[in-house]
Structures are given as C-alpha cells and as structure tokens.
Amino acid sequence: MNKKNRTHSIGQDESVWSKEWKSVSIESEIRMWDYFGLRPWILKYTPRNGKVVEAGCGLGRYNFYLSHFGVDITGLDFSYQTIKHINKWQKDNGYNLKFIEGNVEKLPYPDNSLTGYLSFGVIEHFQEGPKKVLDEVYRVLKPGGIAIITT
C-alpha cells in the first residue's frame, strides 16, 4: 500500500497527512498527549487486556503513553511515510511498539478480535459521513469491547 497520494475516501488524501505529521516531532506529540484533556477518559476506559488499536494514530502519542500501562496497542495510520518515520524513530529511541499502515474503512483485523478501539479526530474527515468507519469498528470489536472515538 505504499503508493503516493492515495485517496481512501472523499476528502482523505495521504499526502496532506504525511505533510502534516512531518511538520511536528514525535517527541512534541508525546509531550502533549493530554492537550485535548482526554487522559481521564482514556485511562479509565481503555481495556488493559486483549488487543487495542488506535485507528488514525498519527505520530502515535497515545500508543507510547498507554504502552507504559501494559496496554497491548497497535497504531494504525494510512500514511505510509508517517508509519515508516515512527518505526525508524522508535527503533532509534529504544521503543518496540507496533505501528502499521492501514485504512480505518477496511481494518486488517478479523471479526470480533479487538477489546478496544481508539480513534481521536478521524471520523469527521469523511465527507460521506462516519457510517463506513463505524461499521468497521463494530465488526472488529469483541462483544463487550470498548470504542473511544472523538471528533
């Protein structure tokens, strides 16, 4: 999937997000992980067992933070360049988290396989609405799984 300028959905252009994430550092993203005041909700409701994905993870600020609490979390983003950058940075800085390229409208997980789904500021970017993304969330979450989604 490492093709340039892919459009996954109306209004979603990989080059726009690759450029955005290239303009800030991973260190600054980690430092400002609670900029939006989500910490109490994320810490309270993110499952501590099973597998969790942050869909549309950008530079992975929540992945780095939650890994300190033992959360088995994977960061997923559709920007190949961003994922490549994160994986190089974490290797150079002693981290070993999982970051993968993927599409929130077609998640690379089997049905009922995740205990948690996190996505912050992603679903509002789909001009045709969030239904396709939310259907995918429902598909991959186990019964009783938890989704934390913000716009």
C-alpha atoms as a PDB file:
ATOM      1  CA  MET A   1       0.000   0.000   0.000  1.00  0.00           C
ATOM      2  CA  ASN A   2       2.956   2.393  -0.212  1.00  0.00           C
ATOM      3  CA  LYS A   3       1.761   4.382  -3.214  1.00  0.00           C
ATOM      4  CA  LYS A   4       1.985   8.172  -3.236  1.00  0.00           C
ATOM      5  CA  ASN A   5      -1.050  10.441  -2.972  1.00  0.00           C
ATOM      6  CA  ARG A   6      -3.630   7.756  -2.344  1.00  0.00           C
ATOM      7  CA  THR A   7      -7.148   8.874  -1.641  1.00  0.00           C
ATOM      8  CA  HIS A   8      -9.032   6.381   0.545  1.00  0.00           C
ATOM      9  CA  SER A   9     -12.205   8.370   0.723  1.00  0.00           C
ATOM     10  CA  ILE A  10     -13.579  11.712  -0.396  1.00  0.00           C
ATOM     11  CA  GLY A  11     -11.522  14.368   1.363  1.00  0.00           C
ATOM     12  CA  GLN A  12      -8.844  11.935   2.551  1.00  0.00           C
ATOM     13  CA  ASP A  13      -5.513  12.493   0.856  1.00  0.00           C
ATOM     14  CA  GLU A  14      -2.471  10.689   2.236  1.00  0.00           C
ATOM     15  CA  SER A  15      -0.072  13.408   1.095  1.00  0.00           C
ATOM     16  CA  VAL A  16      -1.900  16.005   3.217  1.00  0.00           C
ATOM     17  CA  TRP A  17      -1.492  13.940   6.390  1.00  0.00           C
ATOM     18  CA  SER A  18       2.057  12.850   5.587  1.00  0.00           C
ATOM     19  CA  LYS A  19       2.978  16.527   5.264  1.00  0.00           C
ATOM     20  CA  GLU A  20       1.103  17.421   8.478  1.00  0.00           C
ATOM     21  CA  TRP A  21       2.824  14.754  10.559  1.00  0.00           C
ATOM     22  CA  LYS A  22       6.209  15.583   9.057  1.00  0.00           C
ATOM     23  CA  SER A  23       5.839  19.175  10.327  1.00  0.00           C
ATOM     24  CA  VAL A  24       5.881  18.147  14.019  1.00  0.00           C
ATOM     25  CA  SER A  25       8.152  15.902  16.045  1.00  0.00           C
ATOM     26  CA  ILE A  26       7.240  12.646  17.711  1.00  0.00           C
ATOM     27  CA  GLU A  27       8.776  13.994  20.936  1.00  0.00           C
ATOM     28  CA  SER A  28       6.466  17.027  20.898  1.00  0.00           C
ATOM     29  CA  GLU A  29       3.455  14.800  20.236  1.00  0.00           C
ATOM     30  CA  ILE A  30       4.341  12.560  23.174  1.00  0.00           C
ATOM     31  CA  ARG A  31       4.782  15.596  25.449  1.00  0.00           C
ATOM     32  CA  MET A  32       1.382  17.000  24.517  1.00  0.00           C
ATOM     33  CA  TRP A  33      -0.515  13.723  24.721  1.00  0.00           C
ATOM     34  CA  ASP A  34      -3.090  15.273  27.056  1.00  0.00           C
ATOM     35  CA  TYR A  35      -3.516  18.505  25.109  1.00  0.00           C
ATOM     36  CA  PHE A  36      -7.174  17.737  24.411  1.00  0.00           C
ATOM     37  CA  GLY A  37      -7.964  16.699  28.011  1.00  0.00           C
ATOM     38  CA  LEU A  38      -8.742  13.089  27.117  1.00  0.00           C
ATOM     39  CA  ARG A  39      -6.449  11.469  29.699  1.00  0.00           C
ATOM     40  CA  PRO A  40      -9.065  10.680  32.369  1.00  0.00           C
ATOM     41  CA  TRP A  41     -11.379   9.020  29.840  1.00  0.00           C
ATOM     42  CA  ILE A  42      -8.667   7.142  28.014  1.00  0.00           C
ATOM     43  CA  LEU A  43      -7.134   5.811  31.223  1.00  0.00           C
ATOM     44  CA  LYS A  44     -10.485   4.886  32.714  1.00  0.00           C
ATOM     45  CA  TYR A  45     -11.986   3.080  29.719  1.00  0.00           C
ATOM     46  CA  THR A  46      -9.132   1.664  27.624  1.00  0.00           C
ATOM     47  CA  PRO A  47      -9.090  -2.108  28.148  1.00  0.00           C
ATOM     48  CA  ARG A  48      -5.972  -3.412  29.904  1.00  0.00           C
ATOM     49  CA  ASN A  49      -6.367  -6.916  28.496  1.00  0.00           C
ATOM     50  CA  GLY A  50      -6.697  -8.070  24.935  1.00  0.00           C
ATOM     51  CA  LYS A  51      -5.724  -6.144  21.835  1.00  0.00           C
ATOM     52  CA  VAL A  52      -6.367  -2.448  21.274  1.00  0.00           C
ATOM     53  CA  VAL A  53      -5.891  -0.388  18.111  1.00  0.00           C
ATOM     54  CA  GLU A  54      -5.590   3.346  17.749  1.00  0.00           C
ATOM     55  CA  ALA A  55      -7.012   3.981  14.299  1.00  0.00           C
ATOM     56  CA  GLY A  56      -5.624   7.113  12.701  1.00  0.00           C
ATOM     57  CA  CYS A  57      -2.765   7.237  15.192  1.00  0.00           C
ATOM     58  CA  GLY A  58      -0.738   9.984  13.502  1.00  0.00           C
ATOM     59  CA  LEU A  59       2.610  10.051  15.321  1.00  0.00           C
ATOM     60  CA  GLY A  60       1.394   7.635  17.988  1.00  0.00           C
ATOM     61  CA  ARG A  61       1.269   9.815  21.097  1.00  0.00           C
ATOM     62  CA  TYR A  62      -1.402   7.686  22.802  1.00  0.00           C
ATOM     63  CA  ASN A  63       0.326   4.447  21.824  1.00  0.00           C
ATOM     64  CA  PHE A  64       3.549   5.480  23.523  1.00  0.00           C
ATOM     65  CA  TYR A  65       1.678   6.614  26.644  1.00  0.00           C
ATOM     66  CA  LEU A  66      -0.636   3.608  27.006  1.00  0.00           C
ATOM     67  CA  SER A  67       2.193   1.141  26.465  1.00  0.00           C
ATOM     68  CA  HIS A  68       3.570   2.279  29.853  1.00  0.00           C
ATOM     69  CA  PHE A  69       0.409   0.828  31.428  1.00  0.00           C
ATOM     70  CA  GLY A  70       0.841  -2.533  29.724  1.00  0.00           C
ATOM     71  CA  VAL A  71      -1.822  -1.946  27.079  1.00  0.00           C
ATOM     72  CA  ASP A  72      -1.264  -4.163  24.025  1.00  0.00           C
ATOM     73  CA  ILE A  73      -1.846  -1.396  21.498  1.00  0.00           C
ATOM     74  CA  THR A  74      -1.175  -1.096  17.782  1.00  0.00           C
ATOM     75  CA  GLY A  75      -1.085   2.230  15.992  1.00  0.00           C
ATOM     76  CA  LEU A  76      -2.679   2.265  12.548  1.00  0.00           C
ATOM     77  CA  ASP A  77      -2.453   5.124  10.082  1.00  0.00           C
ATOM     78  CA  PHE A  78      -2.978   5.362   6.331  1.00  0.00           C
ATOM     79  CA  SER A  79       0.154   7.454   5.792  1.00  0.00           C
ATOM     80  CA  TYR A  80       2.926   5.066   4.785  1.00  0.00           C
ATOM     81  CA  GLN A  81       5.546   7.793   5.254  1.00  0.00           C
ATOM     82  CA  THR A  82       4.324   8.523   8.789  1.00  0.00           C
ATOM     83  CA  ILE A  83       4.403   4.851   9.807  1.00  0.00           C
ATOM     84  CA  LYS A  84       7.867   4.474   8.295  1.00  0.00           C
ATOM     85  CA  HIS A  85       9.032   7.562  10.239  1.00  0.00           C
ATOM     86  CA  ILE A  86       7.556   6.347  13.552  1.00  0.00           C
ATOM     87  CA  ASN A  87       9.092   2.895  13.182  1.00  0.00           C
ATOM     88  CA  LYS A  88      12.524   4.356  12.496  1.00  0.00           C
ATOM     89  CA  TRP A  89      12.221   6.850  15.377  1.00  0.00           C
ATOM     90  CA  GLN A  90      11.119   4.231  17.896  1.00  0.00           C
ATOM     91  CA  LYS A  91      13.928   1.874  16.914  1.00  0.00           C
ATOM     92  CA  ASP A  92      16.442   4.709  17.363  1.00  0.00           C
ATOM     93  CA  ASN A  93      14.930   5.596  20.759  1.00  0.00           C
ATOM     94  CA  GLY A  94      14.547   2.174  22.355  1.00  0.00           C
ATOM     95  CA  TYR A  95      10.836   1.559  21.820  1.00  0.00           C
ATOM     96  CA  ASN A  96       9.287  -1.568  20.348  1.00  0.00           C
ATOM     97  CA  LEU A  97       5.625  -0.800  19.723  1.00  0.00           C
ATOM     98  CA  LYS A  98       3.620  -1.931  16.732  1.00  0.00           C
ATOM     99  CA  PHE A  99       2.672   0.645  14.091  1.00  0.00           C
ATOM    100  CA  ILE A 100       1.131  -0.428  10.803  1.00  0.00           C
ATOM    101  CA  GLU A 101      -0.202   1.174   7.670  1.00  0.00           C
ATOM    102  CA  GLY A 102      -3.916   0.642   7.199  1.00  0.00           C
ATOM    103  CA  ASN A 103      -7.283   2.078   6.311  1.00  0.00           C
ATOM    104  CA  VAL A 104      -9.903   2.787   9.011  1.00  0.00           C
ATOM    105  CA  GLU A 105     -12.617   1.882   6.487  1.00  0.00           C
ATOM    106  CA  LYS A 106     -11.144  -1.590   5.994  1.00  0.00           C
ATOM    107  CA  LEU A 107      -9.290  -2.676   9.119  1.00  0.00           C
ATOM    108  CA  PRO A 108      -6.796  -5.557   8.881  1.00  0.00           C
ATOM    109  CA  TYR A 109      -8.376  -7.477  11.766  1.00  0.00           C
ATOM    110  CA  PRO A 110     -10.733 -10.443  11.904  1.00  0.00           C
ATOM    111  CA  ASP A 111     -14.298 -10.028  13.133  1.00  0.00           C
ATOM    112  CA  ASN A 112     -14.652  -9.798  16.931  1.00  0.00           C
ATOM    113  CA  SER A 113     -10.890  -9.695  17.505  1.00  0.00           C
ATOM    114  CA  LEU A 114     -10.235  -6.472  19.440  1.00  0.00           C
ATOM    115  CA  THR A 115     -11.094  -5.497  23.005  1.00  0.00           C
ATOM    116  CA  GLY A 116     -10.544  -1.805  22.338  1.00  0.00           C
ATOM    117  CA  TYR A 117     -10.704   0.725  19.533  1.00  0.00           C
ATOM    118  CA  LEU A 118      -9.392   4.260  19.990  1.00  0.00           C
ATOM    119  CA  SER A 119      -9.735   6.979  17.360  1.00  0.00           C
ATOM    120  CA  PHE A 120      -9.287  10.668  18.035  1.00  0.00           C
ATOM    121  CA  GLY A 121     -10.202  13.257  15.448  1.00  0.00           C
ATOM    122  CA  VAL A 122     -10.526  10.901  12.482  1.00  0.00           C
ATOM    123  CA  ILE A 123     -14.140  10.092  11.570  1.00  0.00           C
ATOM    124  CA  GLU A 124     -15.126  13.703  10.958  1.00  0.00           C
ATOM    125  CA  HIS A 125     -12.811  13.810   7.928  1.00  0.00           C
ATOM    126  CA  PHE A 126     -15.083  11.605   5.829  1.00  0.00           C
ATOM    127  CA  GLN A 127     -17.378  13.843   3.797  1.00  0.00           C
ATOM    128  CA  GLU A 128     -19.750  10.948   3.152  1.00  0.00           C
ATOM    129  CA  GLY A 129     -20.140  10.523   6.911  1.00  0.00           C
ATOM    130  CA  PRO A 130     -18.819   8.111   9.542  1.00  0.00           C
ATOM    131  CA  LYS A 131     -21.045   5.080   8.842  1.00  0.00           C
ATOM    132  CA  LYS A 132     -18.465   3.015   6.944  1.00  0.00           C
ATOM    133  CA  VAL A 133     -15.843   3.595   9.656  1.00  0.00           C
ATOM    134  CA  LEU A 134     -18.283   2.870  12.482  1.00  0.00           C
ATOM    135  CA  ASP A 135     -19.424  -0.328  10.769  1.00  0.00           C
ATOM    136  CA  GLU A 136     -15.768  -1.443  10.750  1.00  0.00           C
ATOM    137  CA  VAL A 137     -15.418  -0.610  14.448  1.00  0.00           C
ATOM    138  CA  TYR A 138     -18.462  -2.730  15.211  1.00  0.00           C
ATOM    139  CA  ARG A 139     -17.126  -5.576  13.064  1.00  0.00           C
ATOM    140  CA  VAL A 140     -13.697  -5.822  14.728  1.00  0.00           C
ATOM    141  CA  LEU A 141     -14.724  -5.298  18.353  1.00  0.00           C
ATOM    142  CA  LYS A 142     -15.449  -8.320  20.506  1.00  0.00           C
ATOM    143  CA  PRO A 143     -18.807  -8.338  22.277  1.00  0.00           C
ATOM    144  CA  GLY A 144     -18.360  -6.014  25.232  1.00  0.00           C
ATOM    145  CA  GLY A 145     -15.388  -4.314  23.563  1.00  0.00           C
ATOM    146  CA  ILE A 146     -14.879  -0.612  24.106  1.00  0.00           C
ATOM    147  CA  ALA A 147     -14.602   2.104  21.479  1.00  0.00           C
ATOM    148  CA  ILE A 148     -13.440   5.601  22.422  1.00  0.00           C
ATOM    149  CA  ILE A 149     -13.986   7.934  19.478  1.00  0.00           C
ATOM    150  CA  THR A 150     -13.756  11.724  19.400  1.00  0.00           C
ATOM    151  CA  THR A 151     -14.347  14.355  16.762  1.00  0.00           C
END
